[in-house]
Amino acid sequence: MSGISLLRPLFLGARQLKHPAIVKRGFAAAAYENILVEKKGAQQNVALVTLNRPKALNALSSALMTEVGQAIDALNKDESVGCIVITGSEKAFAAGADIKEMQSMTFAKCFTGNFLSHWDKVAQSIKPVIAAVNGYALGGGCELAMMCDIIYAGENAKFGQPEIILGTLPGAGGTQRLTRAIGKSRAMEMTLTGNQITAAEAEKYGLVSKVFPTGQLVDEAIKLAEKIASYSQVSVALCKESVNHGED
């Protein structure tokens, strides 16, 4: 059965039914150690999730990604939030997975421990997620950005999949999403060499939607999120799902 067929009952009943996972529940601020979660916008209908391990260039430890997954779950249940923005610091959106943490992990441990389960929360979010990328988005950081629905970049942003240099390969969907975004040849070049691309190149190749001066990036992402959040959450969720099914 096609994605559109699965969605048709929701389209037909959109006036009467709310998306089953959008429930009336207020936002409860949680105590996170590795991320910051704030409400933004004139209507406080945008959630800003900031990766907050600046000393480690926001390396994506399992603790950080667990918190990201928990935050996404909570925000998807918060009816007052219509769109989510994920960002990092000016130096790094995220410079990759936490290599120190992964050094002691075998493949079997990663597999049986469902190491990437919380990463999927971003890609599977019912509500749109915008990545506001300043600085480095490398390895897992680039993959995290590509899990989002829209990518805005600061002028200083750098994107790359350098896993090949470490003797491994992108493990969080990077090979598939990068190919869909920029085409096979460029994706091959990036993943087989580990070369980085600039924000301007990423925009040219179709990886990012727009590039802004560094200091304006988050504000511009929030402005876009406010516009999206002003529309029907049911319609937005169905549109997002339809576009994603179109990529399959």
C-alpha atoms as a PDB file:
ATOM      1  CA  MET A   1       0.000   0.000   0.000  1.00  0.00           C
ATOM      2  CA  SER A   2       1.397   3.412  -0.947  1.00  0.00           C
ATOM      3  CA  GLY A   3       2.146   6.159   1.559  1.00  0.00           C
ATOM      4  CA  ILE A   4      -0.651   8.298   0.073  1.00  0.00           C
ATOM      5  CA  SER A   5      -3.139   5.437   0.503  1.00  0.00           C
ATOM      6  CA  LEU A   6      -2.164   5.161   4.133  1.00  0.00           C
ATOM      7  CA  LEU A   7      -2.640   8.893   4.592  1.00  0.00           C
ATOM      8  CA  ARG A   8      -5.968   9.199   2.729  1.00  0.00           C
ATOM      9  CA  PRO A   9      -8.184   8.445   5.754  1.00  0.00           C
ATOM     10  CA  LEU A  10      -6.435  11.189   7.699  1.00  0.00           C
ATOM     11  CA  PHE A  11      -6.822  13.670   4.827  1.00  0.00           C
ATOM     12  CA  LEU A  12     -10.535  12.886   4.535  1.00  0.00           C
ATOM     13  CA  GLY A  13     -11.083  13.272   8.248  1.00  0.00           C
ATOM     14  CA  ALA A  14      -8.704  16.127   8.868  1.00  0.00           C
ATOM     15  CA  ARG A  15     -11.488  18.495   9.888  1.00  0.00           C
ATOM     16  CA  GLN A  16     -12.734  16.143  12.574  1.00  0.00           C
ATOM     17  CA  LEU A  17      -9.604  14.307  13.659  1.00  0.00           C
ATOM     18  CA  LYS A  18      -6.312  15.414  15.092  1.00  0.00           C
ATOM     19  CA  HIS A  19      -3.151  13.519  14.287  1.00  0.00           C
ATOM     20  CA  PRO A  20      -3.169  10.670  16.837  1.00  0.00           C
ATOM     21  CA  ALA A  21       0.209  11.626  18.291  1.00  0.00           C
ATOM     22  CA  ILE A  22      -0.629  15.316  18.747  1.00  0.00           C
ATOM     23  CA  VAL A  23      -2.236  15.547  22.165  1.00  0.00           C
ATOM     24  CA  LYS A  24      -3.216  18.338  24.498  1.00  0.00           C
ATOM     25  CA  ARG A  25      -0.352  18.499  26.878  1.00  0.00           C
ATOM     26  CA  GLY A  26       1.610  21.486  28.089  1.00  0.00           C
ATOM     27  CA  PHE A  27       5.376  21.753  27.818  1.00  0.00           C
ATOM     28  CA  ALA A  28       7.146  20.771  30.993  1.00  0.00           C
ATOM     29  CA  ALA A  29      10.722  21.993  31.184  1.00  0.00           C
ATOM     30  CA  ALA A  30      12.972  19.035  31.868  1.00  0.00           C
ATOM     31  CA  ALA A  31      16.389  19.116  33.446  1.00  0.00           C
ATOM     32  CA  TYR A  32      18.861  18.162  30.727  1.00  0.00           C
ATOM     33  CA  GLU A  33      22.622  17.997  31.110  1.00  0.00           C
ATOM     34  CA  ASN A  34      23.691  18.031  27.453  1.00  0.00           C
ATOM     35  CA  ILE A  35      21.033  20.119  25.698  1.00  0.00           C
ATOM     36  CA  LEU A  36      19.001  23.265  26.287  1.00  0.00           C
ATOM     37  CA  VAL A  37      15.306  23.414  25.391  1.00  0.00           C
ATOM     38  CA  GLU A  38      13.523  26.766  25.132  1.00  0.00           C
ATOM     39  CA  LYS A  39      10.298  28.092  23.677  1.00  0.00           C
ATOM     40  CA  LYS A  40      10.726  30.869  21.134  1.00  0.00           C
ATOM     41  CA  GLY A  41       8.651  33.091  18.868  1.00  0.00           C
ATOM     42  CA  ALA A  42       5.970  35.701  19.460  1.00  0.00           C
ATOM     43  CA  GLN A  43       3.441  32.944  20.174  1.00  0.00           C
ATOM     44  CA  GLN A  44       5.944  30.729  22.018  1.00  0.00           C
ATOM     45  CA  ASN A  45       5.089  28.000  19.510  1.00  0.00           C
ATOM     46  CA  VAL A  46       8.645  27.156  18.434  1.00  0.00           C
ATOM     47  CA  ALA A  47      10.975  24.915  20.425  1.00  0.00           C
ATOM     48  CA  LEU A  48      14.701  25.645  20.216  1.00  0.00           C
ATOM     49  CA  VAL A  49      16.886  22.661  21.100  1.00  0.00           C
ATOM     50  CA  THR A  50      20.544  23.614  21.552  1.00  0.00           C
ATOM     51  CA  LEU A  51      23.256  20.957  21.675  1.00  0.00           C
ATOM     52  CA  ASN A  52      25.264  22.023  24.704  1.00  0.00           C
ATOM     53  CA  ARG A  53      28.652  20.318  24.890  1.00  0.00           C
ATOM     54  CA  PRO A  54      30.749  23.233  23.583  1.00  0.00           C
ATOM     55  CA  LYS A  55      34.060  21.991  25.009  1.00  0.00           C
ATOM     56  CA  ALA A  56      33.633  18.775  23.011  1.00  0.00           C
ATOM     57  CA  LEU A  57      32.367  20.663  19.933  1.00  0.00           C
ATOM     58  CA  ASN A  58      28.975  19.103  20.686  1.00  0.00           C
ATOM     59  CA  ALA A  59      30.227  15.580  20.050  1.00  0.00           C
ATOM     60  CA  LEU A  60      27.172  13.347  19.917  1.00  0.00           C
ATOM     61  CA  SER A  61      27.511  11.122  22.951  1.00  0.00           C
ATOM     62  CA  SER A  62      24.837   8.570  23.693  1.00  0.00           C
ATOM     63  CA  ALA A  63      23.764  10.681  26.705  1.00  0.00           C
ATOM     64  CA  LEU A  64      23.296  13.748  24.499  1.00  0.00           C
ATOM     65  CA  MET A  65      21.342  11.851  21.854  1.00  0.00           C
ATOM     66  CA  THR A  66      19.197  10.187  24.519  1.00  0.00           C
ATOM     67  CA  GLU A  67      18.253  13.661  25.735  1.00  0.00           C
ATOM     68  CA  VAL A  68      17.558  14.827  22.183  1.00  0.00           C
ATOM     69  CA  GLY A  69      15.249  11.839  21.723  1.00  0.00           C
ATOM     70  CA  GLN A  70      13.488  12.551  25.006  1.00  0.00           C
ATOM     71  CA  ALA A  71      13.044  16.209  24.077  1.00  0.00           C
ATOM     72  CA  ILE A  72      11.638  15.354  20.642  1.00  0.00           C
ATOM     73  CA  ASP A  73       9.167  12.940  22.248  1.00  0.00           C
ATOM     74  CA  ALA A  74       8.032  15.589  24.736  1.00  0.00           C
ATOM     75  CA  LEU A  75       7.723  18.312  22.086  1.00  0.00           C
ATOM     76  CA  ASN A  76       5.709  16.069  19.780  1.00  0.00           C
ATOM     77  CA  LYS A  77       3.208  15.677  22.630  1.00  0.00           C
ATOM     78  CA  ASP A  78       3.059  19.416  23.321  1.00  0.00           C
ATOM     79  CA  GLU A  79       0.164  20.901  21.359  1.00  0.00           C
ATOM     80  CA  SER A  80       1.493  24.446  21.801  1.00  0.00           C
ATOM     81  CA  VAL A  81       4.659  23.647  19.805  1.00  0.00           C
ATOM     82  CA  GLY A  82       4.294  23.592  16.031  1.00  0.00           C
ATOM     83  CA  CYS A  83       7.916  23.373  14.894  1.00  0.00           C
ATOM     84  CA  ILE A  84      11.323  22.481  16.329  1.00  0.00           C
ATOM     85  CA  VAL A  85      14.736  24.055  15.652  1.00  0.00           C
ATOM     86  CA  ILE A  86      17.964  22.211  16.494  1.00  0.00           C
ATOM     87  CA  THR A  87      21.221  24.150  16.684  1.00  0.00           C
ATOM     88  CA  GLY A  88      24.655  24.047  18.273  1.00  0.00           C
ATOM     89  CA  SER A  89      27.284  26.672  18.997  1.00  0.00           C
ATOM     90  CA  GLU A  90      28.971  28.987  16.495  1.00  0.00           C
ATOM     91  CA  LYS A  91      32.054  26.757  16.393  1.00  0.00           C
ATOM     92  CA  ALA A  92      30.167  23.531  15.855  1.00  0.00           C
ATOM     93  CA  PHE A  93      26.674  22.284  15.218  1.00  0.00           C
ATOM     94  CA  ALA A  94      28.152  18.880  16.037  1.00  0.00           C
ATOM     95  CA  ALA A  95      31.634  17.708  15.123  1.00  0.00           C
ATOM     96  CA  GLY A  96      30.582  14.065  14.944  1.00  0.00           C
ATOM     97  CA  ALA A  97      29.895  11.132  17.218  1.00  0.00           C
ATOM     98  CA  ASP A  98      31.768  10.921  20.508  1.00  0.00           C
ATOM     99  CA  ILE A  99      34.834   8.963  19.370  1.00  0.00           C
ATOM    100  CA  LYS A 100      36.160   8.492  22.911  1.00  0.00           C
ATOM    101  CA  GLU A 101      32.897   6.857  23.912  1.00  0.00           C
ATOM    102  CA  MET A 102      32.785   4.654  20.817  1.00  0.00           C
ATOM    103  CA  GLN A 103      36.371   3.379  21.143  1.00  0.00           C
ATOM    104  CA  SER A 104      35.319   0.887  23.799  1.00  0.00           C
ATOM    105  CA  MET A 105      32.213  -0.279  21.927  1.00  0.00           C
ATOM    106  CA  THR A 106      32.192  -3.349  19.705  1.00  0.00           C
ATOM    107  CA  PHE A 107      29.847  -3.702  16.741  1.00  0.00           C
ATOM    108  CA  ALA A 108      27.872  -6.311  18.683  1.00  0.00           C
ATOM    109  CA  LYS A 109      27.443  -3.920  21.604  1.00  0.00           C
ATOM    110  CA  CYS A 110      26.291  -1.120  19.311  1.00  0.00           C
ATOM    111  CA  PHE A 111      23.842  -3.431  17.534  1.00  0.00           C
ATOM    112  CA  THR A 112      22.333  -5.193  20.550  1.00  0.00           C
ATOM    113  CA  GLY A 113      22.300  -1.984  22.570  1.00  0.00           C
ATOM    114  CA  ASN A 114      20.297  -0.210  19.847  1.00  0.00           C
ATOM    115  CA  PHE A 115      22.938   2.530  19.835  1.00  0.00           C
ATOM    116  CA  LEU A 116      21.168   4.681  17.226  1.00  0.00           C
ATOM    117  CA  SER A 117      17.620   4.342  18.550  1.00  0.00           C
ATOM    118  CA  HIS A 118      17.424   7.897  19.869  1.00  0.00           C
ATOM    119  CA  TRP A 119      18.813   9.339  16.637  1.00  0.00           C
ATOM    120  CA  ASP A 120      15.735   8.042  14.827  1.00  0.00           C
ATOM    121  CA  LYS A 121      13.541  10.272  16.994  1.00  0.00           C
ATOM    122  CA  VAL A 122      14.644  13.291  14.955  1.00  0.00           C
ATOM    123  CA  ALA A 123      13.938  11.704  11.576  1.00  0.00           C
ATOM    124  CA  GLN A 124      10.634  10.289  12.804  1.00  0.00           C
ATOM    125  CA  SER A 125       9.376  13.456  14.488  1.00  0.00           C
ATOM    126  CA  ILE A 126       5.769  14.211  13.602  1.00  0.00           C
ATOM    127  CA  LYS A 127       6.491  17.920  13.829  1.00  0.00           C
ATOM    128  CA  PRO A 128       8.901  19.565  11.375  1.00  0.00           C
ATOM    129  CA  VAL A 129      12.492  19.908  12.539  1.00  0.00           C
ATOM    130  CA  ILE A 130      14.805  22.623  11.202  1.00  0.00           C
ATOM    131  CA  ALA A 131      18.576  22.332  11.574  1.00  0.00           C
ATOM    132  CA  ALA A 132      20.341  25.666  12.099  1.00  0.00           C
ATOM    133  CA  VAL A 133      23.960  24.763  11.362  1.00  0.00           C
ATOM    134  CA  ASN A 134      26.830  26.998  12.411  1.00  0.00           C
ATOM    135  CA  GLY A 135      30.413  25.768  12.295  1.00  0.00           C
ATOM    136  CA  TYR A 136      31.197  22.095  11.830  1.00  0.00           C
ATOM    137  CA  ALA A 137      28.588  19.479  10.947  1.00  0.00           C
ATOM    138  CA  LEU A 138      30.814  16.459  10.473  1.00  0.00           C
ATOM    139  CA  GLY A 139      30.149  12.736  10.543  1.00  0.00           C
ATOM    140  CA  GLY A 140      27.240  12.151  12.879  1.00  0.00           C
ATOM    141  CA  GLY A 141      26.728  15.911  13.021  1.00  0.00           C
ATOM    142  CA  CYS A 142      26.127  16.047   9.279  1.00  0.00           C
ATOM    143  CA  GLU A 143      23.871  13.001   9.568  1.00  0.00           C
ATOM    144  CA  LEU A 144      21.885  14.639  12.373  1.00  0.00           C
ATOM    145  CA  ALA A 145      21.379  17.750  10.234  1.00  0.00           C
ATOM    146  CA  MET A 146      20.171  15.582   7.346  1.00  0.00           C
ATOM    147  CA  MET A 147      17.635  13.875   9.624  1.00  0.00           C
ATOM    148  CA  CYS A 148      15.963  17.261   9.937  1.00  0.00           C
ATOM    149  CA  ASP A 149      13.373  18.404   7.405  1.00  0.00           C
ATOM    150  CA  ILE A 150      15.028  21.702   6.481  1.00  0.00           C
ATOM    151  CA  ILE A 151      18.645  22.820   6.865  1.00  0.00           C
ATOM    152  CA  TYR A 152      19.639  26.474   7.241  1.00  0.00           C
ATOM    153  CA  ALA A 153      23.371  27.195   7.471  1.00  0.00           C
ATOM    154  CA  GLY A 154      25.561  29.987   8.745  1.00  0.00           C
ATOM    155  CA  GLU A 155      28.237  31.328   6.418  1.00  0.00           C
ATOM    156  CA  ASN A 156      30.913  29.547   8.474  1.00  0.00           C
ATOM    157  CA  ALA A 157      29.291  26.114   8.293  1.00  0.00           C
ATOM    158  CA  LYS A 158      31.259  23.112   7.063  1.00  0.00           C
ATOM    159  CA  PHE A 159      29.702  19.763   6.166  1.00  0.00           C
ATOM    160  CA  GLY A 160      31.498  16.453   5.808  1.00  0.00           C
ATOM    161  CA  GLN A 161      31.455  12.686   6.270  1.00  0.00           C
ATOM    162  CA  PRO A 162      35.058  11.969   7.329  1.00  0.00           C
ATOM    163  CA  GLU A 163      34.419   8.429   8.597  1.00  0.00           C
ATOM    164  CA  ILE A 164      36.524   6.890   5.809  1.00  0.00           C
ATOM    165  CA  ILE A 165      39.598   8.605   7.295  1.00  0.00           C
ATOM    166  CA  LEU A 166      38.975   6.684  10.532  1.00  0.00           C
ATOM    167  CA  GLY A 167      38.562   3.394   8.706  1.00  0.00           C
ATOM    168  CA  THR A 168      34.793   3.216   9.004  1.00  0.00           C
ATOM    169  CA  LEU A 169      31.725   4.554   7.195  1.00  0.00           C
ATOM    170  CA  PRO A 170      28.691   6.741   7.972  1.00  0.00           C
ATOM    171  CA  GLY A 171      26.427   4.674  10.195  1.00  0.00           C
ATOM    172  CA  ALA A 172      23.402   6.893  10.854  1.00  0.00           C
ATOM    173  CA  GLY A 173      21.890   7.105   7.389  1.00  0.00           C
ATOM    174  CA  GLY A 174      24.470   9.471   5.952  1.00  0.00           C
ATOM    175  CA  THR A 175      25.164   7.521   2.782  1.00  0.00           C
ATOM    176  CA  GLN A 176      21.484   7.319   1.864  1.00  0.00           C
ATOM    177  CA  ARG A 177      20.380  10.829   2.844  1.00  0.00           C
ATOM    178  CA  LEU A 178      23.451  12.506   1.382  1.00  0.00           C
ATOM    179  CA  THR A 179      22.916  10.732  -1.947  1.00  0.00           C
ATOM    180  CA  ARG A 180      19.280  11.833  -2.058  1.00  0.00           C
ATOM    181  CA  ALA A 181      20.234  15.412  -1.233  1.00  0.00           C
ATOM    182  CA  ILE A 182      23.206  16.045  -3.525  1.00  0.00           C
ATOM    183  CA  GLY A 183      23.305  13.120  -5.964  1.00  0.00           C
ATOM    184  CA  LYS A 184      25.418   9.985  -6.232  1.00  0.00           C
ATOM    185  CA  SER A 185      28.622  11.465  -7.663  1.00  0.00           C
ATOM    186  CA  ARG A 186      29.034  14.220  -5.073  1.00  0.00           C
ATOM    187  CA  ALA A 187      27.982  11.887  -2.252  1.00  0.00           C
ATOM    188  CA  MET A 188      30.593   9.365  -3.402  1.00  0.00           C
ATOM    189  CA  GLU A 189      33.263  12.065  -3.486  1.00  0.00           C
ATOM    190  CA  MET A 190      32.449  13.261   0.035  1.00  0.00           C
ATOM    191  CA  THR A 191      32.173   9.819   1.631  1.00  0.00           C
ATOM    192  CA  LEU A 192      35.144   8.227  -0.167  1.00  0.00           C
ATOM    193  CA  THR A 193      37.551  11.117   0.479  1.00  0.00           C
ATOM    194  CA  GLY A 194      36.282  12.634   3.719  1.00  0.00           C
ATOM    195  CA  ASN A 195      36.442  16.058   2.059  1.00  0.00           C
ATOM    196  CA  GLN A 196      34.389  18.860   3.603  1.00  0.00           C
ATOM    197  CA  ILE A 197      32.174  21.329   1.751  1.00  0.00           C
ATOM    198  CA  THR A 198      31.404  24.932   2.640  1.00  0.00           C
ATOM    199  CA  ALA A 199      27.985  26.404   3.353  1.00  0.00           C
ATOM    200  CA  ALA A 200      27.967  28.018  -0.094  1.00  0.00           C
ATOM    201  CA  GLU A 201      28.741  24.680  -1.751  1.00  0.00           C
ATOM    202  CA  ALA A 202      26.112  22.937   0.379  1.00  0.00           C
ATOM    203  CA  GLU A 203      23.512  25.456  -0.796  1.00  0.00           C
ATOM    204  CA  LYS A 204      24.610  25.077  -4.417  1.00  0.00           C
ATOM    205  CA  TYR A 205      24.394  21.274  -4.203  1.00  0.00           C
ATOM    206  CA  GLY A 206      20.952  21.323  -2.550  1.00  0.00           C
ATOM    207  CA  LEU A 207      22.010  20.083   0.885  1.00  0.00           C
ATOM    208  CA  VAL A 208      20.863  23.297   2.596  1.00  0.00           C
ATOM    209  CA  SER A 209      17.972  25.619   1.777  1.00  0.00           C
ATOM    210  CA  LYS A 210      19.565  28.968   2.620  1.00  0.00           C
ATOM    211  CA  VAL A 211      22.769  30.470   4.007  1.00  0.00           C
ATOM    212  CA  PHE A 212      22.800  33.420   6.419  1.00  0.00           C
ATOM    213  CA  PRO A 213      25.389  35.512   8.262  1.00  0.00           C
ATOM    214  CA  THR A 214      26.393  33.604  11.374  1.00  0.00           C
ATOM    215  CA  GLY A 215      24.756  35.996  13.822  1.00  0.00           C
ATOM    216  CA  GLN A 216      21.411  35.893  12.007  1.00  0.00           C
ATOM    217  CA  LEU A 217      21.130  32.146  11.504  1.00  0.00           C
ATOM    218  CA  VAL A 218      19.131  31.070  14.553  1.00  0.00           C
ATOM    219  CA  ASP A 219      16.777  34.061  14.300  1.00  0.00           C
ATOM    220  CA  GLU A 220      16.084  33.226  10.654  1.00  0.00           C
ATOM    221  CA  ALA A 221      15.453  29.572  11.510  1.00  0.00           C
ATOM    222  CA  ILE A 222      13.042  30.600  14.259  1.00  0.00           C
ATOM    223  CA  LYS A 223      11.282  32.980  11.860  1.00  0.00           C
ATOM    224  CA  LEU A 224      10.752  30.114   9.413  1.00  0.00           C
ATOM    225  CA  ALA A 225       9.624  27.831  12.239  1.00  0.00           C
ATOM    226  CA  GLU A 226       7.091  30.444  13.398  1.00  0.00           C
ATOM    227  CA  LYS A 227       5.557  30.548   9.929  1.00  0.00           C
ATOM    228  CA  ILE A 228       5.261  26.758   9.809  1.00  0.00           C
ATOM    229  CA  ALA A 229       3.897  26.656  13.365  1.00  0.00           C
ATOM    230  CA  SER A 230       1.142  29.119  12.436  1.00  0.00           C
ATOM    231  CA  TYR A 231      -0.513  26.515  10.196  1.00  0.00           C
ATOM    232  CA  SER A 232      -2.675  23.500  11.073  1.00  0.00           C
ATOM    233  CA  GLN A 233      -0.527  20.895  12.825  1.00  0.00           C
ATOM    234  CA  VAL A 234      -2.525  18.121  11.172  1.00  0.00           C
ATOM    235  CA  SER A 235      -1.972  19.540   7.681  1.00  0.00           C
ATOM    236  CA  VAL A 236       1.716  20.157   8.373  1.00  0.00           C
ATOM    237  CA  ALA A 237       2.213  16.607   9.707  1.00  0.00           C
ATOM    238  CA  LEU A 238       0.470  15.074   6.701  1.00  0.00           C
ATOM    239  CA  CYS A 239       2.407  17.239   4.234  1.00  0.00           C
ATOM    240  CA  LYS A 240       5.709  16.304   5.894  1.00  0.00           C
ATOM    241  CA  GLU A 241       4.821  12.614   5.787  1.00  0.00           C
ATOM    242  CA  SER A 242       3.749  12.816   2.139  1.00  0.00           C
ATOM    243  CA  VAL A 243       7.033  14.434   1.082  1.00  0.00           C
ATOM    244  CA  ASN A 244       9.000  11.811   3.005  1.00  0.00           C
ATOM    245  CA  HIS A 245       7.037   8.986   1.362  1.00  0.00           C
ATOM    246  CA  GLY A 246       7.791  10.580  -2.009  1.00  0.00           C
ATOM    247  CA  GLU A 247      11.511  10.076  -1.338  1.00  0.00           C
ATOM    248  CA  ASP A 248      11.122   6.344  -0.683  1.00  0.00           C
END
